[in-house]
Amino acid sequence: MTTLKSKLKEDLTTAMKARDELTSSTLRLTLTAITKEEVSGKSARELSDDEVQKVIAREAKKRREAAEAFAQGGRTEQAERERAEGELLDAYLPKQLSDDELTAIVGQAVAEAKAAGAEGPRAMGAVMKIVGPKVAGLAEGGRVAATVKKLLAG
């Protein structure tokens, strides 16, 4: 069985042979982040595919944030590159939920939380507890929280 990490390594080799600089450097940085994560604890260990996905998601998010910062600073070329790197990494992640799918899942959770008696500010935490496991890896936390707030306010 091919692990996600070995797939990244294979794709890196392919990109290097093809002299694809963007893909090579993006995958190289991501593999470095994975290795860093593997040796960060008390003892070195191999990350599971889920953990590798979390690292990739974090790296992709960094790229999106950097792209935004560069775009606001008028540095279009850097913004484009960061965006391209983010998209490249997104290909290794599960498909993200659409806004409609996310709203449906959150709506159901809001109903569940209210049925369980959660109201006001406490409802936010209750809803996030229900939604969290359902959308893990499929939607960014900020998006989820914003949707929960919107539906609770509605």
C-alpha atoms as a PDB file:
ATOM      1  CA  MET A   1       0.000   0.000   0.000  1.00  0.00           C
ATOM      2  CA  THR A   2       1.333   3.409  -0.952  1.00  0.00           C
ATOM      3  CA  THR A   3       1.346   5.942   1.859  1.00  0.00           C
ATOM      4  CA  LEU A   4       0.601   9.582   1.190  1.00  0.00           C
ATOM      5  CA  LYS A   5       4.165  10.454   2.189  1.00  0.00           C
ATOM      6  CA  SER A   6       5.670   8.006  -0.330  1.00  0.00           C
ATOM      7  CA  LYS A   7       3.327   9.391  -3.011  1.00  0.00           C
ATOM      8  CA  LEU A   8       4.691  12.882  -2.266  1.00  0.00           C
ATOM      9  CA  LYS A   9       8.246  11.536  -2.594  1.00  0.00           C
ATOM     10  CA  GLU A  10       7.463   9.800  -5.909  1.00  0.00           C
ATOM     11  CA  ASP A  11       5.827  12.955  -7.253  1.00  0.00           C
ATOM     12  CA  LEU A  12       8.858  14.972  -6.135  1.00  0.00           C
ATOM     13  CA  THR A  13      11.183  12.652  -8.078  1.00  0.00           C
ATOM     14  CA  THR A  14       8.940  12.932 -11.156  1.00  0.00           C
ATOM     15  CA  ALA A  15       8.825  16.733 -10.860  1.00  0.00           C
ATOM     16  CA  MET A  16      12.616  16.926 -10.487  1.00  0.00           C
ATOM     17  CA  LYS A  17      13.132  14.779 -13.592  1.00  0.00           C
ATOM     18  CA  ALA A  18      10.679  16.988 -15.484  1.00  0.00           C
ATOM     19  CA  ARG A  19      12.516  20.079 -14.150  1.00  0.00           C
ATOM     20  CA  ASP A  20       9.189  21.321 -12.750  1.00  0.00           C
ATOM     21  CA  GLU A  21      10.579  23.876 -10.300  1.00  0.00           C
ATOM     22  CA  LEU A  22       7.244  24.897  -8.757  1.00  0.00           C
ATOM     23  CA  THR A  23       6.180  21.337  -7.960  1.00  0.00           C
ATOM     24  CA  SER A  24       9.680  20.320  -6.812  1.00  0.00           C
ATOM     25  CA  SER A  25      10.087  23.168  -4.350  1.00  0.00           C
ATOM     26  CA  THR A  26       6.510  22.902  -3.046  1.00  0.00           C
ATOM     27  CA  LEU A  27       6.775  19.150  -2.423  1.00  0.00           C
ATOM     28  CA  ARG A  28      10.271  19.516  -0.979  1.00  0.00           C
ATOM     29  CA  LEU A  29       9.037  22.116   1.564  1.00  0.00           C
ATOM     30  CA  THR A  30       6.010  19.976   2.409  1.00  0.00           C
ATOM     31  CA  LEU A  31       8.130  16.855   2.954  1.00  0.00           C
ATOM     32  CA  THR A  32      10.419  18.931   5.194  1.00  0.00           C
ATOM     33  CA  ALA A  33       7.370  20.014   7.224  1.00  0.00           C
ATOM     34  CA  ILE A  34       6.298  16.354   7.519  1.00  0.00           C
ATOM     35  CA  THR A  35       9.784  15.299   8.660  1.00  0.00           C
ATOM     36  CA  LYS A  36       9.854  18.154  11.174  1.00  0.00           C
ATOM     37  CA  GLU A  37       6.514  16.936  12.556  1.00  0.00           C
ATOM     38  CA  GLU A  38       7.848  13.354  12.744  1.00  0.00           C
ATOM     39  CA  VAL A  39      10.830  14.331  14.887  1.00  0.00           C
ATOM     40  CA  SER A  40       9.083  17.033  16.949  1.00  0.00           C
ATOM     41  CA  GLY A  41       7.805  14.762  19.730  1.00  0.00           C
ATOM     42  CA  LYS A  42       9.731  12.895  22.399  1.00  0.00           C
ATOM     43  CA  SER A  43      10.596  10.164  19.932  1.00  0.00           C
ATOM     44  CA  ALA A  44      10.751  10.143  16.146  1.00  0.00           C
ATOM     45  CA  ARG A  45       7.866   8.351  14.481  1.00  0.00           C
ATOM     46  CA  GLU A  46       6.254   7.790  11.110  1.00  0.00           C
ATOM     47  CA  LEU A  47       3.154   9.952  10.591  1.00  0.00           C
ATOM     48  CA  SER A  48      -0.110   8.288   9.575  1.00  0.00           C
ATOM     49  CA  ASP A  49      -1.764   9.374   6.315  1.00  0.00           C
ATOM     50  CA  ASP A  50      -4.276  11.406   8.363  1.00  0.00           C
ATOM     51  CA  GLU A  51      -1.462  13.246  10.126  1.00  0.00           C
ATOM     52  CA  VAL A  52       0.355  13.803   6.820  1.00  0.00           C
ATOM     53  CA  GLN A  53      -2.901  15.245   5.437  1.00  0.00           C
ATOM     54  CA  LYS A  54      -3.082  17.669   8.375  1.00  0.00           C
ATOM     55  CA  VAL A  55       0.471  18.844   7.613  1.00  0.00           C
ATOM     56  CA  ILE A  56      -0.392  19.266   3.914  1.00  0.00           C
ATOM     57  CA  ALA A  57      -3.582  21.168   4.838  1.00  0.00           C
ATOM     58  CA  ARG A  58      -1.573  23.451   7.140  1.00  0.00           C
ATOM     59  CA  GLU A  59       1.000  24.077   4.392  1.00  0.00           C
ATOM     60  CA  ALA A  60      -1.761  24.794   1.837  1.00  0.00           C
ATOM     61  CA  LYS A  61      -3.401  27.226   4.260  1.00  0.00           C
ATOM     62  CA  LYS A  62      -0.054  29.016   4.754  1.00  0.00           C
ATOM     63  CA  ARG A  63       0.188  29.406   0.961  1.00  0.00           C
ATOM     64  CA  ARG A  64      -3.328  30.864   0.723  1.00  0.00           C
ATOM     65  CA  GLU A  65      -2.626  33.343   3.525  1.00  0.00           C
ATOM     66  CA  ALA A  66       0.715  34.331   1.965  1.00  0.00           C
ATOM     67  CA  ALA A  67      -0.945  34.754  -1.443  1.00  0.00           C
ATOM     68  CA  GLU A  68      -3.497  37.103   0.128  1.00  0.00           C
ATOM     69  CA  ALA A  69      -0.777  39.108   1.882  1.00  0.00           C
ATOM     70  CA  PHE A  70       1.293  39.388  -1.303  1.00  0.00           C
ATOM     71  CA  ALA A  71      -1.789  40.383  -3.317  1.00  0.00           C
ATOM     72  CA  GLN A  72      -2.650  43.126  -0.823  1.00  0.00           C
ATOM     73  CA  GLY A  73       0.943  44.317  -0.964  1.00  0.00           C
ATOM     74  CA  GLY A  74       0.724  44.560  -4.741  1.00  0.00           C
ATOM     75  CA  ARG A  75       3.221  41.740  -5.274  1.00  0.00           C
ATOM     76  CA  THR A  76       1.231  39.896  -7.910  1.00  0.00           C
ATOM     77  CA  GLU A  77       3.952  37.477  -9.029  1.00  0.00           C
ATOM     78  CA  GLN A  78       4.578  36.170  -5.509  1.00  0.00           C
ATOM     79  CA  ALA A  79       0.824  35.981  -4.886  1.00  0.00           C
ATOM     80  CA  GLU A  80       0.377  33.911  -8.070  1.00  0.00           C
ATOM     81  CA  ARG A  81       3.170  31.558  -7.053  1.00  0.00           C
ATOM     82  CA  GLU A  82       1.769  31.048  -3.546  1.00  0.00           C
ATOM     83  CA  ARG A  83      -1.664  30.407  -5.053  1.00  0.00           C
ATOM     84  CA  ALA A  84      -0.218  27.872  -7.470  1.00  0.00           C
ATOM     85  CA  GLU A  85       1.617  26.101  -4.624  1.00  0.00           C
ATOM     86  CA  GLY A  86      -1.592  26.027  -2.561  1.00  0.00           C
ATOM     87  CA  GLU A  87      -3.549  24.511  -5.457  1.00  0.00           C
ATOM     88  CA  LEU A  88      -0.827  21.943  -5.991  1.00  0.00           C
ATOM     89  CA  LEU A  89      -1.087  20.871  -2.334  1.00  0.00           C
ATOM     90  CA  ASP A  90      -4.900  20.861  -2.411  1.00  0.00           C
ATOM     91  CA  ALA A  91      -4.684  18.035  -4.955  1.00  0.00           C
ATOM     92  CA  TYR A  92      -3.331  15.772  -2.166  1.00  0.00           C
ATOM     93  CA  LEU A  93      -6.234  16.576   0.159  1.00  0.00           C
ATOM     94  CA  PRO A  94      -9.783  15.239   0.195  1.00  0.00           C
ATOM     95  CA  LYS A  95     -12.152  17.392  -1.831  1.00  0.00           C
ATOM     96  CA  GLN A  96     -13.357  20.294   0.308  1.00  0.00           C
ATOM     97  CA  LEU A  97     -17.052  20.592   1.095  1.00  0.00           C
ATOM     98  CA  SER A  98     -19.013  23.131  -0.938  1.00  0.00           C
ATOM     99  CA  ASP A  99     -20.711  25.967   0.952  1.00  0.00           C
ATOM    100  CA  ASP A 100     -24.080  24.234   0.473  1.00  0.00           C
ATOM    101  CA  GLU A 101     -22.799  20.912   1.828  1.00  0.00           C
ATOM    102  CA  LEU A 102     -21.194  22.642   4.801  1.00  0.00           C
ATOM    103  CA  THR A 103     -24.345  24.656   5.534  1.00  0.00           C
ATOM    104  CA  ALA A 104     -26.448  21.461   5.451  1.00  0.00           C
ATOM    105  CA  ILE A 105     -24.139  19.651   7.908  1.00  0.00           C
ATOM    106  CA  VAL A 106     -23.954  22.667  10.233  1.00  0.00           C
ATOM    107  CA  GLY A 107     -27.738  23.198  10.020  1.00  0.00           C
ATOM    108  CA  GLN A 108     -28.316  19.633  11.166  1.00  0.00           C
ATOM    109  CA  ALA A 109     -25.838  20.086  14.037  1.00  0.00           C
ATOM    110  CA  VAL A 110     -27.503  23.355  15.117  1.00  0.00           C
ATOM    111  CA  ALA A 111     -30.861  21.540  15.266  1.00  0.00           C
ATOM    112  CA  GLU A 112     -29.270  18.690  17.288  1.00  0.00           C
ATOM    113  CA  ALA A 113     -27.608  21.101  19.723  1.00  0.00           C
ATOM    114  CA  LYS A 114     -30.813  23.112  20.215  1.00  0.00           C
ATOM    115  CA  ALA A 115     -32.776  19.891  20.744  1.00  0.00           C
ATOM    116  CA  ALA A 116     -30.231  18.995  23.447  1.00  0.00           C
ATOM    117  CA  GLY A 117     -30.940  22.356  25.101  1.00  0.00           C
ATOM    118  CA  ALA A 118     -27.834  24.298  24.072  1.00  0.00           C
ATOM    119  CA  GLU A 119     -28.547  28.012  23.723  1.00  0.00           C
ATOM    120  CA  GLY A 120     -26.674  31.280  23.404  1.00  0.00           C
ATOM    121  CA  PRO A 121     -22.860  31.294  23.436  1.00  0.00           C
ATOM    122  CA  ARG A 122     -22.771  27.713  24.752  1.00  0.00           C
ATOM    123  CA  ALA A 123     -24.538  26.547  21.610  1.00  0.00           C
ATOM    124  CA  MET A 124     -21.465  27.465  19.512  1.00  0.00           C
ATOM    125  CA  GLY A 125     -19.284  24.963  21.397  1.00  0.00           C
ATOM    126  CA  ALA A 126     -21.981  22.293  21.325  1.00  0.00           C
ATOM    127  CA  VAL A 127     -22.475  22.694  17.581  1.00  0.00           C
ATOM    128  CA  MET A 128     -18.708  22.675  16.899  1.00  0.00           C
ATOM    129  CA  LYS A 129     -18.405  19.402  18.865  1.00  0.00           C
ATOM    130  CA  ILE A 130     -21.059  17.786  16.668  1.00  0.00           C
ATOM    131  CA  VAL A 131     -19.769  19.264  13.386  1.00  0.00           C
ATOM    132  CA  GLY A 132     -16.022  18.787  14.043  1.00  0.00           C
ATOM    133  CA  PRO A 133     -15.707  15.048  13.392  1.00  0.00           C
ATOM    134  CA  LYS A 134     -18.101  15.207  10.418  1.00  0.00           C
ATOM    135  CA  VAL A 135     -16.130  17.849   8.526  1.00  0.00           C
ATOM    136  CA  ALA A 136     -12.567  17.101   9.709  1.00  0.00           C
ATOM    137  CA  GLY A 137     -10.224  17.602   6.761  1.00  0.00           C
ATOM    138  CA  LEU A 138     -13.110  18.592   4.484  1.00  0.00           C
ATOM    139  CA  ALA A 139     -13.458  22.242   5.503  1.00  0.00           C
ATOM    140  CA  GLU A 140     -11.162  24.773   7.182  1.00  0.00           C
ATOM    141  CA  GLY A 141     -11.942  25.586  10.798  1.00  0.00           C
ATOM    142  CA  GLY A 142     -12.530  29.263  10.080  1.00  0.00           C
ATOM    143  CA  ARG A 143     -15.108  28.442   7.406  1.00  0.00           C
ATOM    144  CA  VAL A 144     -16.872  26.014   9.744  1.00  0.00           C
ATOM    145  CA  ALA A 145     -16.953  28.502  12.642  1.00  0.00           C
ATOM    146  CA  ALA A 146     -18.274  31.288  10.385  1.00  0.00           C
ATOM    147  CA  THR A 147     -21.064  29.021   9.096  1.00  0.00           C
ATOM    148  CA  VAL A 148     -21.984  27.949  12.640  1.00  0.00           C
ATOM    149  CA  LYS A 149     -22.129  31.605  13.797  1.00  0.00           C
ATOM    150  CA  LYS A 150     -24.257  32.565  10.791  1.00  0.00           C
ATOM    151  CA  LEU A 151     -26.776  29.742  11.364  1.00  0.00           C
ATOM    152  CA  LEU A 152     -26.945  30.310  15.125  1.00  0.00           C
ATOM    153  CA  ALA A 153     -27.609  34.014  14.564  1.00  0.00           C
ATOM    154  CA  GLY A 154     -30.192  33.232  11.887  1.00  0.00           C
END
